[in-house]
C-alpha atoms as a PDB file:
ATOM      1  CA  MET A   1      98.351 -27.707 -74.201  1.00  0.00           C
ATOM      2  CA  PRO A   2      96.726 -29.751 -76.937  1.00  0.00           C
ATOM      3  CA  GLY A   3      92.994 -29.594 -77.387  1.00  0.00           C
ATOM      4  CA  CYS A   4      90.576 -32.488 -77.437  1.00  0.00           C
ATOM      5  CA  GLY A   5      91.787 -35.139 -79.850  1.00  0.00           C
ATOM      6  CA  GLU A   6      95.190 -33.556 -80.528  1.00  0.00           C
ATOM      7  CA  GLY A   7      97.248 -35.833 -78.291  1.00  0.00           C
ATOM      8  CA  GLY A   8      96.567 -39.104 -80.059  1.00  0.00           C
ATOM      9  CA  TYR A   9      93.296 -39.792 -78.218  1.00  0.00           C
ATOM     10  CA  LYS A  10      90.289 -39.389 -80.460  1.00  0.00           C
ATOM     11  CA  PRO A  11      87.053 -39.167 -78.459  1.00  0.00           C
ATOM     12  CA  ARG A  12      83.916 -40.571 -80.020  1.00  0.00           C
ATOM     13  CA  PHE A  13      81.965 -37.420 -79.140  1.00  0.00           C
ATOM     14  CA  ALA A  14      83.317 -33.879 -78.971  1.00  0.00           C
ATOM     15  CA  PHE A  15      83.266 -32.197 -75.581  1.00  0.00           C
ATOM     16  CA  GLU A  16      84.590 -28.967 -74.113  1.00  0.00           C
ATOM     17  CA  VAL A  17      86.854 -29.657 -71.136  1.00  0.00           C
ATOM     18  CA  LEU A  18      86.821 -26.008 -70.050  1.00  0.00           C
ATOM     19  CA  SER A  19      83.022 -25.736 -69.815  1.00  0.00           C
ATOM     20  CA  ALA A  20      81.506 -25.054 -66.410  1.00  0.00           C
ATOM     21  CA  GLY A  21      80.038 -28.554 -66.231  1.00  0.00           C
ATOM     22  CA  ARG A  22      83.335 -30.268 -67.077  1.00  0.00           C
ATOM     23  CA  GLN A  23      85.236 -28.067 -64.632  1.00  0.00           C
ATOM     24  CA  LYS A  24      82.780 -29.057 -61.889  1.00  0.00           C
ATOM     25  CA  GLU A  25      83.497 -32.711 -62.731  1.00  0.00           C
ATOM     26  CA  VAL A  26      87.219 -32.032 -62.322  1.00  0.00           C
ATOM     27  CA  VAL A  27      86.643 -30.360 -58.943  1.00  0.00           C
ATOM     28  CA  ASP A  28      84.447 -33.280 -57.839  1.00  0.00           C
ATOM     29  CA  LEU A  29      87.164 -35.739 -58.862  1.00  0.00           C
ATOM     30  CA  VAL A  30      89.865 -33.778 -57.024  1.00  0.00           C
ATOM     31  CA  ASN A  31      87.693 -33.630 -53.895  1.00  0.00           C
ATOM     32  CA  ALA A  32      87.050 -37.390 -54.061  1.00  0.00           C
ATOM     33  CA  LEU A  33      90.779 -38.035 -54.418  1.00  0.00           C
ATOM     34  CA  ALA A  34      91.494 -35.760 -51.453  1.00  0.00           C
ATOM     35  CA  LEU A  35      89.125 -37.805 -49.284  1.00  0.00           C
ATOM     36  CA  TYR A  36      90.903 -40.993 -50.337  1.00  0.00           C
ATOM     37  CA  LYS A  37      94.293 -39.426 -49.429  1.00  0.00           C
ATOM     38  CA  PRO A  38      96.431 -41.200 -52.037  1.00  0.00           C
ATOM     39  CA  THR A  39     100.185 -41.007 -51.713  1.00  0.00           C
ATOM     40  CA  LYS A  40     100.680 -40.830 -55.483  1.00  0.00           C
ATOM     41  CA  ILE A  41      98.616 -39.625 -58.420  1.00  0.00           C
ATOM     42  CA  ALA A  42      99.665 -40.098 -62.027  1.00  0.00           C
ATOM     43  CA  VAL A  43      99.096 -37.269 -64.478  1.00  0.00           C
ATOM     44  CA  GLU A  44      99.318 -37.683 -68.226  1.00  0.00           C
ATOM     45  CA  TRP A  45     100.736 -34.854 -70.338  1.00  0.00           C
ATOM     46  CA  ILE A  46     102.975 -34.129 -73.296  1.00  0.00           C
ATOM     47  CA  LYS A  47     106.344 -33.586 -71.648  1.00  0.00           C
ATOM     48  CA  GLU A  48     107.900 -31.409 -74.331  1.00  0.00           C
ATOM     49  CA  GLU A  49     104.995 -28.968 -74.263  1.00  0.00           C
ATOM     50  CA  ASP A  50     103.818 -29.038 -70.656  1.00  0.00           C
ATOM     51  CA  GLN A  51     106.845 -29.844 -68.481  1.00  0.00           C
ATOM     52  CA  ALA A  52     107.790 -26.232 -67.636  1.00  0.00           C
ATOM     53  CA  PHE A  53     104.173 -25.441 -66.716  1.00  0.00           C
ATOM     54  CA  THR A  54     103.856 -28.577 -64.588  1.00  0.00           C
ATOM     55  CA  ASP A  55     107.165 -27.850 -62.852  1.00  0.00           C
ATOM     56  CA  SER A  56     106.081 -24.270 -62.087  1.00  0.00           C
ATOM     57  CA  LEU A  57     102.826 -25.465 -60.494  1.00  0.00           C
ATOM     58  CA  TYR A  58     104.681 -28.021 -58.404  1.00  0.00           C
ATOM     59  CA  GLN A  59     107.197 -25.402 -57.273  1.00  0.00           C
ATOM     60  CA  GLU A  60     104.353 -23.110 -56.186  1.00  0.00           C
ATOM     61  CA  TYR A  61     102.890 -26.031 -54.228  1.00  0.00           C
ATOM     62  CA  LEU A  62     106.226 -26.696 -52.513  1.00  0.00           C
ATOM     63  CA  GLU A  63     106.497 -23.010 -51.594  1.00  0.00           C
ATOM     64  CA  GLY A  64     103.011 -23.050 -50.042  1.00  0.00           C
ATOM     65  CA  ARG A  65     101.489 -20.828 -52.720  1.00  0.00           C
ATOM     66  CA  ARG A  66      99.077 -23.576 -53.850  1.00  0.00           C
ATOM     67  CA  ASP A  67      96.858 -25.850 -51.796  1.00  0.00           C
ATOM     68  CA  GLY A  68      97.390 -28.888 -53.990  1.00  0.00           C
ATOM     69  CA  VAL A  69      94.521 -28.177 -56.344  1.00  0.00           C
ATOM     70  CA  PHE A  70      95.869 -27.226 -59.725  1.00  0.00           C
END
């Protein structure tokens, strides 16, 4: 998976998406979305690089091995 700024988006300030603080923000966002109960959520990724990984997570979800939080 590309790092910050490698996918065409160039942030103005560097940040570490895997830091504890950023991961908490992701969890907070997922929890807020869960409360809203959307029927669809769009996810942006580089298909050629991430499709197999995304498909494997979705398959685990369909098989009940994931609770919907990836």
